[in-house]
């Protein structure tokens, strides 16, 4: 008999990810940075500008305000404060994602989304076993921009669609 291994969790396909971004409008950004040059900060600005309600999570900045929103120490603290959380967008090292996923399950989130470059199949299996949707190694901002016409080489929406090269 061979060793039984768990299958790699499946990431929703392009159409399913589009539906997630259309359906869910409350996104917790775990690992938000106050540094405007960090990817988590830029993603928060983008999602807020696109009409999403962002819930900011980082114990380092708990009690402070970033982008006009209070920062919470944890998902549980945000939920207790009355915040609605549907998607948990994680900016943490791969090995630190399982406790975040456990907390997302506990608070009743619908989706756990690991940012571009972050993969953890153990986290994915746990999330999917709990009935949540799991996305890994994808940037939520890039996915949104791709689906809604805002992706440009520098990551900004130019608002111009051309068939010829400039």
Protein backbone atom coordinates (compact mmCIF):
# COMPACT_ATOMS: atom_id res chain seq x y z
CA UNK A 1 0.00 0.00 0.00
CA UNK A 2 1.20 3.47 -0.84
CA UNK A 3 1.16 6.53 1.35
CA UNK A 4 -2.13 8.40 1.08
CA UNK A 5 -1.67 12.04 0.24
CA UNK A 6 -4.24 14.76 0.18
CA UNK A 7 -5.06 16.21 -3.23
CA UNK A 8 -4.03 19.73 -4.11
CA UNK A 9 -6.91 22.13 -3.44
CA UNK A 10 -8.53 23.43 -6.58
CA UNK A 11 -8.54 27.18 -7.21
CA UNK A 12 -11.76 28.40 -8.84
CA UNK A 13 -11.46 28.98 -12.56
CA UNK A 14 -11.55 32.41 -14.18
CA UNK A 15 -15.36 32.53 -14.45
CA UNK A 16 -15.84 31.47 -10.84
CA UNK A 17 -13.36 34.14 -9.66
CA UNK A 18 -15.29 36.74 -11.66
CA UNK A 19 -18.50 35.66 -9.90
CA UNK A 20 -16.79 35.91 -6.50
CA UNK A 21 -15.75 39.50 -7.21
CA UNK A 22 -19.27 40.37 -8.37
CA UNK A 23 -21.06 38.66 -5.49
CA UNK A 24 -18.97 39.55 -2.44
CA UNK A 25 -18.29 43.22 -1.58
CA UNK A 26 -16.77 43.01 1.93
CA UNK A 27 -13.05 42.21 1.89
CA UNK A 28 -10.81 41.84 4.93
CA UNK A 29 -7.19 42.57 4.08
CA UNK A 30 -5.06 40.58 6.53
CA UNK A 31 -1.57 42.03 6.71
CA UNK A 32 -2.40 45.57 5.62
CA UNK A 33 0.61 47.87 5.67
CA UNK A 34 0.61 51.59 6.42
CA UNK A 35 3.44 51.92 3.87
CA UNK A 36 1.78 53.18 0.69
CA UNK A 37 4.40 51.38 -1.43
CA UNK A 38 3.53 47.91 -0.11
CA UNK A 39 1.26 45.71 -2.25
CA UNK A 40 -1.32 45.29 0.56
CA UNK A 41 -1.76 49.06 0.79
CA UNK A 42 -2.14 49.47 -2.97
CA UNK A 43 -4.68 46.63 -3.12
CA UNK A 44 -6.68 48.28 -0.32
CA UNK A 45 -6.72 51.62 -2.17
CA UNK A 46 -7.80 49.92 -5.39
CA UNK A 47 -10.60 47.86 -3.82
CA UNK A 48 -11.89 50.85 -1.87
CA UNK A 49 -11.92 52.95 -5.06
CA UNK A 50 -13.87 50.18 -6.81
CA UNK A 51 -16.62 50.33 -4.18
CA UNK A 52 -15.65 47.42 -1.96
CA UNK A 53 -15.92 47.73 1.81
CA UNK A 54 -12.43 46.98 3.10
CA UNK A 55 -11.79 45.70 6.61
CA UNK A 56 -8.18 46.17 7.63
CA UNK A 57 -6.41 43.60 9.81
CA UNK A 58 -2.92 43.92 11.30
CA UNK A 59 -2.09 43.72 15.03
CA UNK A 60 0.84 46.11 14.49
CA UNK A 61 -1.57 48.93 13.56
CA UNK A 62 -4.59 47.89 15.67
CA UNK A 63 -6.59 50.90 16.81
CA UNK A 64 -5.06 53.17 14.19
CA UNK A 65 -6.69 54.43 11.01
CA UNK A 66 -5.47 53.67 7.48
CA UNK A 67 -7.33 54.93 4.40
CA UNK A 68 -10.03 56.30 6.69
CA UNK A 69 -10.77 52.84 8.12
CA UNK A 70 -10.05 51.49 11.58
CA UNK A 71 -7.43 48.73 11.72
CA UNK A 72 -8.26 45.65 13.80
CA UNK A 73 -5.88 43.21 15.47
CA UNK A 74 -7.75 40.15 14.16
CA UNK A 75 -10.67 38.99 12.06
CA UNK A 76 -12.53 38.07 15.26
CA UNK A 77 -12.08 41.58 16.67
CA UNK A 78 -13.41 43.09 13.43
CA UNK A 79 -16.41 40.74 13.42
CA UNK A 80 -17.16 41.54 17.07
CA UNK A 81 -17.06 45.26 16.17
CA UNK A 82 -19.83 44.64 13.62
CA UNK A 83 -17.78 44.43 10.42
CA UNK A 84 -19.13 42.23 7.64
CA UNK A 85 -16.44 39.98 6.13
CA UNK A 86 -17.03 37.81 3.07
CA UNK A 87 -13.58 37.52 1.46
CA UNK A 88 -10.42 37.23 3.57
CA UNK A 89 -7.51 38.43 1.40
CA UNK A 90 -4.27 37.25 3.00
CA UNK A 91 -0.90 39.03 2.80
CA UNK A 92 1.09 36.69 5.04
CA UNK A 93 3.88 34.15 4.57
CA UNK A 94 2.56 30.80 3.33
CA UNK A 95 3.44 29.10 6.61
CA UNK A 96 1.38 31.70 8.53
CA UNK A 97 -1.85 31.27 6.56
CA UNK A 98 -3.44 28.32 8.40
CA UNK A 99 -4.28 30.26 11.61
CA UNK A 100 -5.79 33.04 9.45
CA UNK A 101 -7.88 30.45 7.60
CA UNK A 102 -9.04 28.90 10.89
CA UNK A 103 -10.18 32.32 12.07
CA UNK A 104 -11.90 33.02 8.72
CA UNK A 105 -13.83 29.75 9.10
CA UNK A 106 -14.76 30.67 12.69
CA UNK A 107 -16.18 34.10 11.76
CA UNK A 108 -18.22 32.77 8.82
CA UNK A 109 -16.27 34.17 5.87
CA UNK A 110 -17.15 32.79 2.43
CA UNK A 111 -13.75 32.94 0.70
CA UNK A 112 -10.10 32.70 1.77
CA UNK A 113 -7.88 34.30 -0.87
CA UNK A 114 -4.08 33.99 -0.69
CA UNK A 115 -2.31 36.74 -2.62
CA UNK A 116 0.00 36.29 -5.60
CA UNK A 117 3.06 34.25 -4.66
CA UNK A 118 1.41 32.66 -1.61
CA UNK A 119 0.60 28.94 -1.80
CA UNK A 120 -0.33 26.59 1.00
CA UNK A 121 -2.15 23.39 0.09
CA UNK A 122 -2.69 22.44 3.74
CA UNK A 123 -4.51 25.74 4.28
CA UNK A 124 -6.51 25.16 1.10
CA UNK A 125 -7.58 21.68 2.15
CA UNK A 126 -8.69 22.95 5.57
CA UNK A 127 -10.64 25.83 4.01
CA UNK A 128 -12.35 23.62 1.44
CA UNK A 129 -13.11 20.91 4.01
CA UNK A 130 -14.93 23.63 6.01
CA UNK A 131 -17.03 24.50 2.93
CA UNK A 132 -15.38 27.80 2.05
CA UNK A 133 -13.99 28.78 -1.34
CA UNK A 134 -10.20 28.87 -1.57
CA UNK A 135 -8.09 30.92 -3.99
CA UNK A 136 -4.31 30.91 -3.86
CA UNK A 137 -1.45 32.51 -5.74
CA UNK A 138 -3.68 35.20 -7.30
CA UNK A 139 -3.80 38.95 -6.75
CA UNK A 140 -7.36 40.09 -6.08
CA UNK A 141 -6.60 43.54 -7.55
CA UNK A 142 -5.12 42.10 -10.75
CA UNK A 143 -8.04 39.69 -11.11
CA UNK A 144 -10.58 42.50 -10.66
CA UNK A 145 -8.76 44.76 -13.11
CA UNK A 146 -8.52 41.98 -15.68
CA UNK A 147 -12.24 41.24 -15.52
CA UNK A 148 -13.42 44.85 -15.45
CA UNK A 149 -11.07 46.45 -17.99
CA UNK A 150 -8.63 48.15 -15.66
CA UNK A 151 -5.43 46.19 -16.24
CA UNK A 152 -2.53 48.09 -17.78
CA UNK A 153 1.18 47.24 -17.74
CA UNK A 154 1.75 49.51 -14.74
CA UNK A 155 -1.38 48.27 -12.98
CA UNK A 156 -3.47 51.39 -13.58
CA UNK A 157 -6.69 51.84 -15.48
CA UNK A 158 -6.00 54.04 -18.49
CA UNK A 159 -9.63 53.93 -19.64
CA UNK A 160 -8.43 53.56 -23.24
CA UNK A 161 -8.85 50.38 -25.25
CA UNK A 162 -6.94 50.26 -28.54
CA UNK A 163 -6.12 47.49 -30.99
CA UNK A 164 -2.88 49.13 -32.12
CA UNK A 165 0.35 49.53 -30.24
CA UNK A 166 1.18 53.05 -29.08
